[in-house]
Amino acid sequence: MDRSELKQRLRAFEQVGQSGNRLFQVVRLDDDTSGFGNGTYIVRILAPWASGKSFDEIMDPLLELLWQTTDPETRGAISSLRVSANEADADVFARSEGLNV
């Protein structure tokens, strides 16, 4: 699946999230070059509500929503979700992984 198709398929995930109490935005889709995610993407999410929350408090609602709004093929194109509470953190993490920002 290419980047534009994945972005399109994630629209429902993003729209349902924006209509709830956990506003977030998919800000980037990066190629996973780790060797484990052959042809998959890292989905970078900006979620201001995530500040100060535990991993489970952040990921549980996002993963539940992802499963409710996407099909197995879409989820198979995602190697990981990376969540940042602010945009500056998302850029720093991307740079630390050698990605172009």
PDB file of N, CA and C in Angstrom:
ATOM      1  N   MET A   1       0.859  -1.169   0.000  1.00  0.00           N
ATOM      2  CA  MET A   1       0.000   0.000   0.000  1.00  0.00           C
ATOM      3  C   MET A   1       0.907   1.234   0.000  1.00  0.00           C
ATOM      4  N   ASP A   2       0.582   2.205  -0.816  1.00  0.00           N
ATOM      5  CA  ASP A   2       1.418   3.395  -0.843  1.00  0.00           C
ATOM      6  C   ASP A   2       0.937   4.408   0.203  1.00  0.00           C
ATOM      7  N   ARG A   3       1.772   5.419   0.414  1.00  0.00           N
ATOM      8  CA  ARG A   3       1.531   6.429   1.452  1.00  0.00           C
ATOM      9  C   ARG A   3       0.192   7.145   1.267  1.00  0.00           C
ATOM     10  N   SER A   4      -0.134   7.541   0.036  1.00  0.00           N
ATOM     11  CA  SER A   4      -1.375   8.289  -0.188  1.00  0.00           C
ATOM     12  C   SER A   4      -2.605   7.432   0.107  1.00  0.00           C
ATOM     13  N   GLU A   5      -2.542   6.155  -0.242  1.00  0.00           N
ATOM     14  CA  GLU A   5      -3.677   5.271   0.057  1.00  0.00           C
ATOM     15  C   GLU A   5      -3.834   5.077   1.564  1.00  0.00           C
ATOM     16  N   LEU A   6      -2.716   4.896   2.267  1.00  0.00           N
ATOM     17  CA  LEU A   6      -2.799   4.743   3.718  1.00  0.00           C
ATOM     18  C   LEU A   6      -3.355   6.002   4.359  1.00  0.00           C
ATOM     19  N   LYS A   7      -2.895   7.155   3.900  1.00  0.00           N
ATOM     20  CA  LYS A   7      -3.408   8.424   4.436  1.00  0.00           C
ATOM     21  C   LYS A   7      -4.921   8.508   4.254  1.00  0.00           C
ATOM     22  N   GLN A   8      -5.398   8.128   3.086  1.00  0.00           N
ATOM     23  CA  GLN A   8      -6.837   8.128   2.802  1.00  0.00           C
ATOM     24  C   GLN A   8      -7.570   7.167   3.741  1.00  0.00           C
ATOM     25  N   ARG A   9      -7.022   5.984   3.912  1.00  0.00           N
ATOM     26  CA  ARG A   9      -7.668   4.971   4.751  1.00  0.00           C
ATOM     27  C   ARG A   9      -7.668   5.336   6.233  1.00  0.00           C
ATOM     28  N   LEU A  10      -6.770   6.200   6.655  1.00  0.00           N
ATOM     29  CA  LEU A  10      -6.717   6.622   8.057  1.00  0.00           C
ATOM     30  C   LEU A  10      -7.629   7.811   8.360  1.00  0.00           C
ATOM     31  N   ARG A  11      -8.307   8.325   7.346  1.00  0.00           N
ATOM     32  CA  ARG A  11      -9.181   9.483   7.564  1.00  0.00           C
ATOM     33  C   ARG A  11     -10.281   9.210   8.588  1.00  0.00           C
ATOM     34  N   ALA A  12     -10.926   8.062   8.495  1.00  0.00           N
ATOM     35  CA  ALA A  12     -12.003   7.746   9.445  1.00  0.00           C
ATOM     36  C   ALA A  12     -11.454   7.667  10.863  1.00  0.00           C
ATOM     37  N   PHE A  13     -10.284   7.067  11.018  1.00  0.00           N
ATOM     38  CA  PHE A  13      -9.607   6.984  12.321  1.00  0.00           C
ATOM     39  C   PHE A  13      -9.414   8.385  12.892  1.00  0.00           C
ATOM     40  N   GLU A  14      -8.918   9.274  12.074  1.00  0.00           N
ATOM     41  CA  GLU A  14      -8.657  10.640  12.508  1.00  0.00           C
ATOM     42  C   GLU A  14      -9.958  11.404  12.769  1.00  0.00           C
ATOM     43  N   GLN A  15     -10.947  11.261  11.884  1.00  0.00           N
ATOM     44  CA  GLN A  15     -12.206  11.996  12.032  1.00  0.00           C
ATOM     45  C   GLN A  15     -12.977  11.569  13.270  1.00  0.00           C
ATOM     46  N   VAL A  16     -13.040  10.274  13.535  1.00  0.00           N
ATOM     47  CA  VAL A  16     -13.747   9.804  14.720  1.00  0.00           C
ATOM     48  C   VAL A  16     -13.020  10.286  15.975  1.00  0.00           C
ATOM     49  N   GLY A  17     -11.698  10.243  15.946  1.00  0.00           N
ATOM     50  CA  GLY A  17     -10.922  10.747  17.077  1.00  0.00           C
ATOM     51  C   GLY A  17     -11.149  12.225  17.322  1.00  0.00           C
ATOM     52  N   GLN A  18     -11.259  13.000  16.262  1.00  0.00           N
ATOM     53  CA  GLN A  18     -11.465  14.436  16.399  1.00  0.00           C
ATOM     54  C   GLN A  18     -12.866  14.777  16.887  1.00  0.00           C
ATOM     55  N   SER A  19     -13.796  13.868  16.702  1.00  0.00           N
ATOM     56  CA  SER A  19     -15.157  14.124  17.175  1.00  0.00           C
ATOM     57  C   SER A  19     -15.334  13.692  18.633  1.00  0.00           C
ATOM     58  N   GLY A  20     -14.358  12.996  19.186  1.00  0.00           N
ATOM     59  CA  GLY A  20     -14.434  12.535  20.567  1.00  0.00           C
ATOM     60  C   GLY A  20     -13.703  13.466  21.508  1.00  0.00           C
ATOM     61  N   ASN A  21     -13.388  12.942  22.685  1.00  0.00           N
ATOM     62  CA  ASN A  21     -12.728  13.764  23.695  1.00  0.00           C
ATOM     63  C   ASN A  21     -11.202  13.607  23.677  1.00  0.00           C
ATOM     64  N   ARG A  22     -10.679  12.854  22.738  1.00  0.00           N
ATOM     65  CA  ARG A  22      -9.231  12.658  22.619  1.00  0.00           C
ATOM     66  C   ARG A  22      -8.787  13.129  21.234  1.00  0.00           C
ATOM     67  N   LEU A  23      -8.736  14.432  21.089  1.00  0.00           N
ATOM     68  CA  LEU A  23      -8.373  15.009  19.799  1.00  0.00           C
ATOM     69  C   LEU A  23      -6.945  14.643  19.444  1.00  0.00           C
ATOM     70  N   PHE A  24      -6.737  14.262  18.197  1.00  0.00           N
ATOM     71  CA  PHE A  24      -5.400  13.974  17.709  1.00  0.00           C
ATOM     72  C   PHE A  24      -5.369  14.198  16.214  1.00  0.00           C
ATOM     73  N   GLN A  25      -4.166  14.228  15.684  1.00  0.00           N
ATOM     74  CA  GLN A  25      -3.974  14.424  14.255  1.00  0.00           C
ATOM     75  C   GLN A  25      -2.845  13.520  13.784  1.00  0.00           C
ATOM     76  N   VAL A  26      -3.066  12.836  12.673  1.00  0.00           N
ATOM     77  CA  VAL A  26      -1.994  12.084  12.027  1.00  0.00           C
ATOM     78  C   VAL A  26      -1.158  13.125  11.294  1.00  0.00           C
ATOM     79  N   VAL A  27       0.069  13.337  11.761  1.00  0.00           N
ATOM     80  CA  VAL A  27       0.882  14.408  11.193  1.00  0.00           C
ATOM     81  C   VAL A  27       1.879  13.932  10.149  1.00  0.00           C
ATOM     82  N   ARG A  28       2.264  12.660  10.221  1.00  0.00           N
ATOM     83  CA  ARG A  28       3.252  12.149   9.264  1.00  0.00           C
ATOM     84  C   ARG A  28       3.106  10.656   9.089  1.00  0.00           C
ATOM     85  N   LEU A  29       3.486  10.204   7.922  1.00  0.00           N
ATOM     86  CA  LEU A  29       3.637   8.778   7.640  1.00  0.00           C
ATOM     87  C   LEU A  29       5.064   8.606   7.145  1.00  0.00           C
ATOM     88  N   ASP A  30       5.867   7.882   7.896  1.00  0.00           N
ATOM     89  CA  ASP A  30       7.265   7.661   7.527  1.00  0.00           C
ATOM     90  C   ASP A  30       7.477   6.203   7.154  1.00  0.00           C
ATOM     91  N   ASP A  31       8.304   5.973   6.154  1.00  0.00           N
ATOM     92  CA  ASP A  31       8.668   4.598   5.794  1.00  0.00           C
ATOM     93  C   ASP A  31       9.377   3.950   6.969  1.00  0.00           C
ATOM     94  N   ASP A  32       9.027   2.726   7.273  1.00  0.00           N
ATOM     95  CA  ASP A  32       9.733   1.977   8.310  1.00  0.00           C
ATOM     96  C   ASP A  32      10.925   1.300   7.655  1.00  0.00           C
ATOM     97  N   THR A  33      12.097   1.775   7.991  1.00  0.00           N
ATOM     98  CA  THR A  33      13.327   1.236   7.399  1.00  0.00           C
ATOM     99  C   THR A  33      14.090   0.373   8.392  1.00  0.00           C
ATOM    100  N   SER A  34      13.416  -0.085   9.437  1.00  0.00           N
ATOM    101  CA  SER A  34      14.078  -0.855  10.494  1.00  0.00           C
ATOM    102  C   SER A  34      14.467  -2.258  10.050  1.00  0.00           C
ATOM    103  N   GLY A  35      13.882  -2.717   8.954  1.00  0.00           N
ATOM    104  CA  GLY A  35      14.137  -4.086   8.516  1.00  0.00           C
ATOM    105  C   GLY A  35      13.069  -5.050   8.997  1.00  0.00           C
ATOM    106  N   PHE A  36      12.266  -4.617   9.969  1.00  0.00           N
ATOM    107  CA  PHE A  36      11.189  -5.466  10.491  1.00  0.00           C
ATOM    108  C   PHE A  36       9.864  -5.152   9.826  1.00  0.00           C
ATOM    109  N   GLY A  37       9.715  -3.926   9.356  1.00  0.00           N
ATOM    110  CA  GLY A  37       8.443  -3.502   8.778  1.00  0.00           C
ATOM    111  C   GLY A  37       8.532  -3.338   7.287  1.00  0.00           C
ATOM    112  N   ASN A  38       8.870  -4.375   6.591  1.00  0.00           N
ATOM    113  CA  ASN A  38       9.078  -4.328   5.150  1.00  0.00           C
ATOM    114  C   ASN A  38       7.858  -3.748   4.435  1.00  0.00           C
ATOM    115  N   GLY A  39       8.020  -2.534   3.872  1.00  0.00           N
ATOM    116  CA  GLY A  39       6.942  -1.895   3.134  1.00  0.00           C
ATOM    117  C   GLY A  39       5.848  -1.304   4.003  1.00  0.00           C
ATOM    118  N   THR A  40       6.133  -1.091   5.280  1.00  0.00           N
ATOM    119  CA  THR A  40       5.130  -0.528   6.175  1.00  0.00           C
ATOM    120  C   THR A  40       5.529   0.885   6.599  1.00  0.00           C
ATOM    121  N   TYR A  41       4.644   1.506   7.343  1.00  0.00           N
ATOM    122  CA  TYR A  41       4.823   2.904   7.721  1.00  0.00           C
ATOM    123  C   TYR A  41       4.741   3.094   9.237  1.00  0.00           C
ATOM    124  N   ILE A  42       5.472   4.094   9.691  1.00  0.00           N
ATOM    125  CA  ILE A  42       5.355   4.591  11.058  1.00  0.00           C
ATOM    126  C   ILE A  42       4.341   5.729  10.999  1.00  0.00           C
ATOM    127  N   VAL A  43       3.284   5.615  11.772  1.00  0.00           N
ATOM    128  CA  VAL A  43       2.257   6.655  11.811  1.00  0.00           C
ATOM    129  C   VAL A  43       2.567   7.555  13.001  1.00  0.00           C
ATOM    130  N   ARG A  44       2.845   8.813  12.714  1.00  0.00           N
ATOM    131  CA  ARG A  44       3.160   9.787  13.765  1.00  0.00           C
ATOM    132  C   ARG A  44       1.908  10.596  14.073  1.00  0.00           C
ATOM    133  N   ILE A  45       1.566  10.592  15.353  1.00  0.00           N
ATOM    134  CA  ILE A  45       0.322  11.202  15.811  1.00  0.00           C
ATOM    135  C   ILE A  45       0.632  12.316  16.792  1.00  0.00           C
ATOM    136  N   LEU A  46       0.004  13.457  16.580  1.00  0.00           N
ATOM    137  CA  LEU A  46       0.088  14.577  17.506  1.00  0.00           C
ATOM    138  C   LEU A  46      -1.164  14.529  18.377  1.00  0.00           C
ATOM    139  N   ALA A  47      -0.964  14.333  19.678  1.00  0.00           N
ATOM    140  CA  ALA A  47      -2.087  14.196  20.615  1.00  0.00           C
ATOM    141  C   ALA A  47      -1.781  14.999  21.876  1.00  0.00           C
ATOM    142  N   PRO A  48      -2.188  16.266  21.912  1.00  0.00           N
ATOM    143  CA  PRO A  48      -1.872  17.107  23.073  1.00  0.00           C
ATOM    144  C   PRO A  48      -2.348  16.532  24.410  1.00  0.00           C
ATOM    145  N   TRP A  49      -3.425  15.772  24.405  1.00  0.00           N
ATOM    146  CA  TRP A  49      -3.950  15.179  25.632  1.00  0.00           C
ATOM    147  C   TRP A  49      -3.026  14.104  26.202  1.00  0.00           C
ATOM    148  N   ALA A  50      -2.045  13.655  25.437  1.00  0.00           N
ATOM    149  CA  ALA A  50      -1.157  12.577  25.870  1.00  0.00           C
ATOM    150  C   ALA A  50      -0.099  13.037  26.871  1.00  0.00           C
ATOM    151  N   SER A  51       0.054  14.323  27.030  1.00  0.00           N
ATOM    152  CA  SER A  51       1.069  14.849  27.940  1.00  0.00           C
ATOM    153  C   SER A  51       0.835  14.340  29.368  1.00  0.00           C
ATOM    154  N   GLY A  52       1.857  13.733  29.942  1.00  0.00           N
ATOM    155  CA  GLY A  52       1.778  13.243  31.314  1.00  0.00           C
ATOM    156  C   GLY A  52       1.047  11.923  31.489  1.00  0.00           C
ATOM    157  N   LYS A  53       0.587  11.328  30.407  1.00  0.00           N
ATOM    158  CA  LYS A  53      -0.149  10.058  30.478  1.00  0.00           C
ATOM    159  C   LYS A  53       0.808   8.875  30.351  1.00  0.00           C
ATOM    160  N   SER A  54       0.383   7.748  30.870  1.00  0.00           N
ATOM    161  CA  SER A  54       1.170   6.519  30.733  1.00  0.00           C
ATOM    162  C   SER A  54       0.994   5.954  29.328  1.00  0.00           C
ATOM    163  N   PHE A  55       1.867   5.021  28.987  1.00  0.00           N
ATOM    164  CA  PHE A  55       1.792   4.358  27.684  1.00  0.00           C
ATOM    165  C   PHE A  55       0.396   3.771  27.462  1.00  0.00           C
ATOM    166  N   ASP A  56      -0.123   3.044  28.456  1.00  0.00           N
ATOM    167  CA  ASP A  56      -1.443   2.414  28.318  1.00  0.00           C
ATOM    168  C   ASP A  56      -2.555   3.444  28.172  1.00  0.00           C
ATOM    169  N   GLU A  57      -2.468   4.546  28.904  1.00  0.00           N
ATOM    170  CA  GLU A  57      -3.493   5.585  28.822  1.00  0.00           C
ATOM    171  C   GLU A  57      -3.525   6.242  27.437  1.00  0.00           C
ATOM    172  N   ILE A  58      -2.400   6.215  26.764  1.00  0.00           N
ATOM    173  CA  ILE A  58      -2.321   6.789  25.415  1.00  0.00           C
ATOM    174  C   ILE A  58      -2.708   5.764  24.360  1.00  0.00           C
ATOM    175  N   MET A  59      -2.093   4.599  24.436  1.00  0.00           N
ATOM    176  CA  MET A  59      -2.255   3.627  23.358  1.00  0.00           C
ATOM    177  C   MET A  59      -3.583   2.877  23.386  1.00  0.00           C
ATOM    178  N   ASP A  60      -4.103   2.571  24.547  1.00  0.00           N
ATOM    179  CA  ASP A  60      -5.352   1.807  24.607  1.00  0.00           C
ATOM    180  C   ASP A  60      -6.480   2.458  23.807  1.00  0.00           C
ATOM    181  N   PRO A  61      -6.784   3.748  24.035  1.00  0.00           N
ATOM    182  CA  PRO A  61      -7.878   4.340  23.250  1.00  0.00           C
ATOM    183  C   PRO A  61      -7.537   4.487  21.765  1.00  0.00           C
ATOM    184  N   LEU A  62      -6.274   4.781  21.451  1.00  0.00           N
ATOM    185  CA  LEU A  62      -5.899   4.923  20.042  1.00  0.00           C
ATOM    186  C   LEU A  62      -5.994   3.594  19.303  1.00  0.00           C
ATOM    187  N   LEU A  63      -5.508   2.522  19.921  1.00  0.00           N
ATOM    188  CA  LEU A  63      -5.572   1.217  19.259  1.00  0.00           C
ATOM    189  C   LEU A  63      -7.013   0.725  19.124  1.00  0.00           C
ATOM    190  N   GLU A  64      -7.817   0.968  20.150  1.00  0.00           N
ATOM    191  CA  GLU A  64      -9.227   0.579  20.056  1.00  0.00           C
ATOM    192  C   GLU A  64      -9.904   1.309  18.893  1.00  0.00           C
ATOM    193  N   LEU A  65      -9.642   2.586  18.776  1.00  0.00           N
ATOM    194  CA  LEU A  65     -10.216   3.373  17.693  1.00  0.00           C
ATOM    195  C   LEU A  65      -9.673   2.925  16.334  1.00  0.00           C
ATOM    196  N   LEU A  66      -8.390   2.612  16.277  1.00  0.00           N
ATOM    197  CA  LEU A  66      -7.797   2.130  15.022  1.00  0.00           C
ATOM    198  C   LEU A  66      -8.488   0.847  14.573  1.00  0.00           C
ATOM    199  N   TRP A  67      -8.728  -0.064  15.506  1.00  0.00           N
ATOM    200  CA  TRP A  67      -9.389  -1.340  15.165  1.00  0.00           C
ATOM    201  C   TRP A  67     -10.836  -1.121  14.739  1.00  0.00           C
ATOM    202  N   GLN A  68     -11.498  -0.132  15.314  1.00  0.00           N
ATOM    203  CA  GLN A  68     -12.897   0.140  14.974  1.00  0.00           C
ATOM    204  C   GLN A  68     -13.050   0.796  13.602  1.00  0.00           C
ATOM    205  N   THR A  69     -12.023   1.508  13.153  1.00  0.00           N
ATOM    206  CA  THR A  69     -12.187   2.344  11.957  1.00  0.00           C
ATOM    207  C   THR A  69     -11.363   1.896  10.748  1.00  0.00           C
ATOM    208  N   THR A  70     -10.589   0.810  10.887  1.00  0.00           N
ATOM    209  CA  THR A  70      -9.768   0.353   9.765  1.00  0.00           C
ATOM    210  C   THR A  70      -9.923  -1.147   9.558  1.00  0.00           C
ATOM    211  N   ASP A  71      -9.530  -1.594   8.385  1.00  0.00           N
ATOM    212  CA  ASP A  71      -9.589  -3.026   8.075  1.00  0.00           C
ATOM    213  C   ASP A  71      -8.203  -3.660   8.278  1.00  0.00           C
ATOM    214  N   PRO A  72      -8.131  -4.989   8.263  1.00  0.00           N
ATOM    215  CA  PRO A  72      -6.845  -5.669   8.490  1.00  0.00           C
ATOM    216  C   PRO A  72      -5.749  -5.257   7.510  1.00  0.00           C
ATOM    217  N   GLU A  73      -6.108  -5.011   6.258  1.00  0.00           N
ATOM    218  CA  GLU A  73      -5.099  -4.605   5.277  1.00  0.00           C
ATOM    219  C   GLU A  73      -4.464  -3.264   5.662  1.00  0.00           C
ATOM    220  N   THR A  74      -5.291  -2.330   6.108  1.00  0.00           N
ATOM    221  CA  THR A  74      -4.786  -1.020   6.531  1.00  0.00           C
ATOM    222  C   THR A  74      -3.883  -1.167   7.746  1.00  0.00           C
ATOM    223  N   ARG A  75      -4.348  -1.913   8.737  1.00  0.00           N
ATOM    224  CA  ARG A  75      -3.526  -2.100   9.948  1.00  0.00           C
ATOM    225  C   ARG A  75      -2.221  -2.823   9.618  1.00  0.00           C
ATOM    226  N   GLY A  76      -2.234  -3.703   8.619  1.00  0.00           N
ATOM    227  CA  GLY A  76      -1.032  -4.414   8.220  1.00  0.00           C
ATOM    228  C   GLY A  76       0.013  -3.512   7.580  1.00  0.00           C
ATOM    229  N   ALA A  77      -0.405  -2.344   7.110  1.00  0.00           N
ATOM    230  CA  ALA A  77       0.520  -1.392   6.494  1.00  0.00           C
ATOM    231  C   ALA A  77       1.185  -0.492   7.537  1.00  0.00           C
ATOM    232  N   ILE A  78       0.810  -0.671   8.797  1.00  0.00           N
ATOM    233  CA  ILE A  78       1.334   0.167   9.884  1.00  0.00           C
ATOM    234  C   ILE A  78       2.271  -0.668  10.747  1.00  0.00           C
ATOM    235  N   SER A  79       3.514  -0.243  10.853  1.00  0.00           N
ATOM    236  CA  SER A  79       4.456  -0.966  11.714  1.00  0.00           C
ATOM    237  C   SER A  79       4.382  -0.468  13.144  1.00  0.00           C
ATOM    238  N   SER A  80       4.096   0.830  13.323  1.00  0.00           N
ATOM    239  CA  SER A  80       3.996   1.367  14.676  1.00  0.00           C
ATOM    240  C   SER A  80       3.286   2.709  14.673  1.00  0.00           C
ATOM    241  N   LEU A  81       2.754   3.044  15.833  1.00  0.00           N
ATOM    242  CA  LEU A  81       2.203   4.368  16.082  1.00  0.00           C
ATOM    243  C   LEU A  81       3.183   5.073  17.004  1.00  0.00           C
ATOM    244  N   ARG A  82       3.551   6.283  16.666  1.00  0.00           N
ATOM    245  CA  ARG A  82       4.424   7.094  17.516  1.00  0.00           C
ATOM    246  C   ARG A  82       3.623   8.327  17.903  1.00  0.00           C
ATOM    247  N   VAL A  83       3.397   8.494  19.187  1.00  0.00           N
ATOM    248  CA  VAL A  83       2.535   9.565  19.675  1.00  0.00           C
ATOM    249  C   VAL A  83       3.374  10.607  20.393  1.00  0.00           C
ATOM    250  N   SER A  84       3.132  11.862  20.059  1.00  0.00           N
ATOM    251  CA  SER A  84       3.794  12.986  20.712  1.00  0.00           C
ATOM    252  C   SER A  84       2.733  13.959  21.195  1.00  0.00           C
ATOM    253  N   ALA A  85       2.999  14.567  22.354  1.00  0.00           N
ATOM    254  CA  ALA A  85       2.058  15.546  22.895  1.00  0.00           C
ATOM    255  C   ALA A  85       2.203  16.910  22.234  1.00  0.00           C
ATOM    256  N   ASN A  86       3.364  17.160  21.620  1.00  0.00           N
ATOM    257  CA  ASN A  86       3.526  18.418  20.893  1.00  0.00           C
ATOM    258  C   ASN A  86       4.341  18.183  19.632  1.00  0.00           C
ATOM    259  N   GLU A  87       4.166  19.082  18.698  1.00  0.00           N
ATOM    260  CA  GLU A  87       4.766  18.898  17.375  1.00  0.00           C
ATOM    261  C   GLU A  87       6.291  18.915  17.418  1.00  0.00           C
ATOM    262  N   ALA A  88       6.858  19.705  18.306  1.00  0.00           N
ATOM    263  CA  ALA A  88       8.322  19.764  18.410  1.00  0.00           C
ATOM    264  C   ALA A  88       8.883  18.396  18.774  1.00  0.00           C
ATOM    265  N   ASP A  89       8.221  17.674  19.678  1.00  0.00           N
ATOM    266  CA  ASP A  89       8.681  16.331  20.055  1.00  0.00           C
ATOM    267  C   ASP A  89       8.641  15.385  18.864  1.00  0.00           C
ATOM    268  N   ALA A  90       7.604  15.469  18.057  1.00  0.00           N
ATOM    269  CA  ALA A  90       7.484  14.595  16.889  1.00  0.00           C
ATOM    270  C   ALA A  90       8.658  14.805  15.948  1.00  0.00           C
ATOM    271  N   ASP A  91       9.051  16.055  15.753  1.00  0.00           N
ATOM    272  CA  ASP A  91      10.189  16.348  14.879  1.00  0.00           C
ATOM    273  C   ASP A  91      11.500  15.854  15.473  1.00  0.00           C
ATOM    274  N   VAL A  92      11.683  16.029  16.781  1.00  0.00           N
ATOM    275  CA  VAL A  92      12.912  15.569  17.445  1.00  0.00           C
ATOM    276  C   VAL A  92      13.037  14.062  17.327  1.00  0.00           C
ATOM    277  N   PHE A  93      11.951  13.332  17.581  1.00  0.00           N
ATOM    278  CA  PHE A  93      11.997  11.871  17.487  1.00  0.00           C
ATOM    279  C   PHE A  93      12.300  11.426  16.067  1.00  0.00           C
ATOM    280  N   ALA A  94      11.708  12.094  15.084  1.00  0.00           N
ATOM    281  CA  ALA A  94      11.960  11.731  13.695  1.00  0.00           C
ATOM    282  C   ALA A  94      13.434  11.942  13.346  1.00  0.00           C
ATOM    283  N   ARG A  95      13.999  13.054  13.788  1.00  0.00           N
ATOM    284  CA  ARG A  95      15.416  13.313  13.506  1.00  0.00           C
ATOM    285  C   ARG A  95      16.313  12.279  14.188  1.00  0.00           C
ATOM    286  N   SER A  96      15.960  11.886  15.406  1.00  0.00           N
ATOM    287  CA  SER A  96      16.786  10.913  16.138  1.00  0.00           C
ATOM    288  C   SER A  96      16.771   9.556  15.448  1.00  0.00           C
ATOM    289  N   GLU A  97      15.743   9.304  14.650  1.00  0.00           N
ATOM    290  CA  GLU A  97      15.650   8.048  13.912  1.00  0.00           C
ATOM    291  C   GLU A  97      16.204   8.181  12.500  1.00  0.00           C
ATOM    292  N   GLY A  98      16.808   9.341  12.201  1.00  0.00           N
ATOM    293  CA  GLY A  98      17.415   9.543  10.898  1.00  0.00           C
ATOM    294  C   GLY A  98      16.433   9.805   9.781  1.00  0.00           C
ATOM    295  N   LEU A  99      15.244  10.270  10.117  1.00  0.00           N
ATOM    296  CA  LEU A  99      14.224  10.543   9.100  1.00  0.00           C
ATOM    297  C   LEU A  99      14.293  11.997   8.677  1.00  0.00           C
ATOM    298  N   ASN A 100      13.926  12.268   7.457  1.00  0.00           N
ATOM    299  CA  ASN A 100      13.863  13.651   6.984  1.00  0.00           C
ATOM    300  C   ASN A 100      12.615  14.302   7.526  1.00  0.00           C
ATOM    301  N   VAL A 101      12.779  15.475   8.107  1.00  0.00           N
ATOM    302  CA  VAL A 101      11.653  16.181   8.695  1.00  0.00           C
ATOM    303  C   VAL A 101      11.177  17.267   7.748  1.00  0.00           C
TER     304      VAL A 101
END
